[in-house]
Amino acid sequence: MTLDTRTTDPAVAVAAPERRRVVAGLADGTVEAVADLRVRGRAEEIAAELRETHLPALEEAGYIEWDREAGTIEPGPNFEEAAAHVDDLPLPESESADD
């Protein structure tokens, strides 16, 4: 599966670490805006990937609602489907449980 693949399978949708971070952050209340998504590595490149690939995919599947103008993110109508799969996935090596 390529990063720009759209899917309505929640387990597949949250398999990408960037997408899992969005859904998990909404579930635990730590993400309300795109700015809350702490990016690592090449920050501008990662932020662009979130805006161009991951956030649109999550929004298209109904897992999030994203206001591009305000930069806010909130749970979408299908959010619970995706959130139910986040805890089942292993954390990426660069992400710790305390993160």
C-alpha atoms as a PDB file:
ATOM      1  CA  MET A   1       0.000   0.000   0.000  1.00  0.00           C
ATOM      2  CA  THR A   2       1.329   3.434  -0.871  1.00  0.00           C
ATOM      3  CA  LEU A   3       1.057   6.355   1.514  1.00  0.00           C
ATOM      4  CA  ASP A   4      -1.539   8.097  -0.645  1.00  0.00           C
ATOM      5  CA  THR A   5      -3.864   5.073  -0.736  1.00  0.00           C
ATOM      6  CA  ARG A   6      -7.343   5.906   0.509  1.00  0.00           C
ATOM      7  CA  THR A   7      -9.113   3.221   2.474  1.00  0.00           C
ATOM      8  CA  THR A   8     -12.260   2.718   4.468  1.00  0.00           C
ATOM      9  CA  ASP A   9     -10.720  -0.175   6.420  1.00  0.00           C
ATOM     10  CA  PRO A  10      -9.948   1.415   9.804  1.00  0.00           C
ATOM     11  CA  ALA A  11      -7.166  -1.042  10.641  1.00  0.00           C
ATOM     12  CA  VAL A  12      -5.371  -0.177   7.410  1.00  0.00           C
ATOM     13  CA  ALA A  13      -6.083   3.547   7.748  1.00  0.00           C
ATOM     14  CA  VAL A  14      -4.383   3.825  11.138  1.00  0.00           C
ATOM     15  CA  ALA A  15      -1.472   1.527  10.273  1.00  0.00           C
ATOM     16  CA  ALA A  16       0.616   4.513   9.091  1.00  0.00           C
ATOM     17  CA  PRO A  17       2.268   6.119  12.128  1.00  0.00           C
ATOM     18  CA  GLU A  18       1.256   9.623  11.063  1.00  0.00           C
ATOM     19  CA  ARG A  19      -2.392   8.641  10.796  1.00  0.00           C
ATOM     20  CA  ARG A  20      -2.271   6.700  14.066  1.00  0.00           C
ATOM     21  CA  ARG A  21      -0.832   9.794  15.778  1.00  0.00           C
ATOM     22  CA  VAL A  22      -3.787  11.901  14.549  1.00  0.00           C
ATOM     23  CA  VAL A  23      -6.436   9.391  15.671  1.00  0.00           C
ATOM     24  CA  ALA A  24      -4.735   8.600  18.992  1.00  0.00           C
ATOM     25  CA  GLY A  25      -4.282  12.312  19.744  1.00  0.00           C
ATOM     26  CA  LEU A  26      -7.947  13.008  19.100  1.00  0.00           C
ATOM     27  CA  ALA A  27      -8.951  10.028  21.238  1.00  0.00           C
ATOM     28  CA  ASP A  28      -6.891  11.148  24.236  1.00  0.00           C
ATOM     29  CA  GLY A  29      -7.637  14.856  23.824  1.00  0.00           C
ATOM     30  CA  THR A  30      -4.089  15.981  23.039  1.00  0.00           C
ATOM     31  CA  VAL A  31      -4.834  16.994  19.421  1.00  0.00           C
ATOM     32  CA  GLU A  32      -7.283  19.702  18.444  1.00  0.00           C
ATOM     33  CA  ALA A  33      -5.280  21.408  15.713  1.00  0.00           C
ATOM     34  CA  VAL A  34      -2.724  20.481  13.088  1.00  0.00           C
ATOM     35  CA  ALA A  35      -0.185  22.429  15.167  1.00  0.00           C
ATOM     36  CA  ASP A  36      -0.680  19.895  17.992  1.00  0.00           C
ATOM     37  CA  LEU A  37       0.810  17.156  15.835  1.00  0.00           C
ATOM     38  CA  ARG A  38       4.415  17.263  16.939  1.00  0.00           C
ATOM     39  CA  VAL A  39       6.478  16.475  13.883  1.00  0.00           C
ATOM     40  CA  ARG A  40       9.912  14.899  13.996  1.00  0.00           C
ATOM     41  CA  GLY A  41      12.736  14.743  11.525  1.00  0.00           C
ATOM     42  CA  ARG A  42      12.445  17.066   8.558  1.00  0.00           C
ATOM     43  CA  ALA A  43       9.603  19.088  10.030  1.00  0.00           C
ATOM     44  CA  GLU A  44       8.479  20.919   6.891  1.00  0.00           C
ATOM     45  CA  GLU A  45       8.507  17.728   4.798  1.00  0.00           C
ATOM     46  CA  ILE A  46       6.589  15.798   7.454  1.00  0.00           C
ATOM     47  CA  ALA A  47       4.061  18.617   7.908  1.00  0.00           C
ATOM     48  CA  ALA A  48       3.499  18.730   4.136  1.00  0.00           C
ATOM     49  CA  GLU A  49       2.976  14.954   4.060  1.00  0.00           C
ATOM     50  CA  LEU A  50       0.381  15.266   6.829  1.00  0.00           C
ATOM     51  CA  ARG A  51      -1.468  18.048   4.977  1.00  0.00           C
ATOM     52  CA  GLU A  52      -1.244  16.477   1.522  1.00  0.00           C
ATOM     53  CA  THR A  53      -1.664  12.773   2.279  1.00  0.00           C
ATOM     54  CA  HIS A  54      -2.591  11.631   5.768  1.00  0.00           C
ATOM     55  CA  LEU A  55      -5.128  14.217   6.930  1.00  0.00           C
ATOM     56  CA  PRO A  56      -7.060  14.105   3.620  1.00  0.00           C
ATOM     57  CA  ALA A  57      -7.156  10.286   3.757  1.00  0.00           C
ATOM     58  CA  LEU A  58      -8.472  10.284   7.325  1.00  0.00           C
ATOM     59  CA  GLU A  59     -11.009  12.975   6.439  1.00  0.00           C
ATOM     60  CA  GLU A  60     -12.190  11.157   3.301  1.00  0.00           C
ATOM     61  CA  ALA A  61     -12.829   7.994   5.334  1.00  0.00           C
ATOM     62  CA  GLY A  62     -14.835  10.022   7.876  1.00  0.00           C
ATOM     63  CA  TYR A  63     -12.385   9.388  10.712  1.00  0.00           C
ATOM     64  CA  ILE A  64     -11.633  13.091  11.228  1.00  0.00           C
ATOM     65  CA  GLU A  65     -13.095  16.473  10.360  1.00  0.00           C
ATOM     66  CA  TRP A  66     -10.378  18.908   9.353  1.00  0.00           C
ATOM     67  CA  ASP A  67     -10.870  22.656   9.000  1.00  0.00           C
ATOM     68  CA  ARG A  68      -7.975  23.650   6.762  1.00  0.00           C
ATOM     69  CA  GLU A  69      -8.520  27.386   7.288  1.00  0.00           C
ATOM     70  CA  ALA A  70      -8.535  27.218  11.094  1.00  0.00           C
ATOM     71  CA  GLY A  71      -6.074  24.306  11.249  1.00  0.00           C
ATOM     72  CA  THR A  72      -8.356  22.360  13.588  1.00  0.00           C
ATOM     73  CA  ILE A  73      -9.001  18.628  13.673  1.00  0.00           C
ATOM     74  CA  GLU A  74     -11.818  16.833  15.463  1.00  0.00           C
ATOM     75  CA  PRO A  75     -13.322  13.356  15.414  1.00  0.00           C
ATOM     76  CA  GLY A  76     -15.406  12.573  12.343  1.00  0.00           C
ATOM     77  CA  PRO A  77     -18.555  10.449  12.084  1.00  0.00           C
ATOM     78  CA  ASN A  78     -16.538   7.208  11.701  1.00  0.00           C
ATOM     79  CA  PHE A  79     -13.886   8.118  14.295  1.00  0.00           C
ATOM     80  CA  GLU A  80     -14.650   5.268  16.708  1.00  0.00           C
ATOM     81  CA  GLU A  81     -13.977   2.691  13.959  1.00  0.00           C
ATOM     82  CA  ALA A  82     -10.411   3.961  13.562  1.00  0.00           C
ATOM     83  CA  ALA A  83      -9.807   4.681  17.252  1.00  0.00           C
ATOM     84  CA  ALA A  84     -10.694   1.091  18.126  1.00  0.00           C
ATOM     85  CA  HIS A  85      -7.658  -0.106  16.141  1.00  0.00           C
ATOM     86  CA  VAL A  86      -4.993   2.285  17.433  1.00  0.00           C
ATOM     87  CA  ASP A  87      -4.174   0.332  20.592  1.00  0.00           C
ATOM     88  CA  ASP A  88      -3.842  -2.905  18.600  1.00  0.00           C
ATOM     89  CA  LEU A  89      -0.892  -1.589  16.591  1.00  0.00           C
ATOM     90  CA  PRO A  90       2.706  -1.605  17.786  1.00  0.00           C
ATOM     91  CA  LEU A  91       4.353   1.763  18.363  1.00  0.00           C
ATOM     92  CA  PRO A  92       6.912   2.702  15.718  1.00  0.00           C
ATOM     93  CA  GLU A  93      10.499   2.537  16.948  1.00  0.00           C
ATOM     94  CA  SER A  94      10.772   6.352  16.959  1.00  0.00           C
ATOM     95  CA  GLU A  95       7.650   6.767  19.098  1.00  0.00           C
ATOM     96  CA  SER A  96       7.581   5.905  22.782  1.00  0.00           C
ATOM     97  CA  ALA A  97       4.613   5.213  25.037  1.00  0.00           C
ATOM     98  CA  ASP A  98       5.432   8.395  26.979  1.00  0.00           C
ATOM     99  CA  ASP A  99       5.210  10.484  23.820  1.00  0.00           C
END
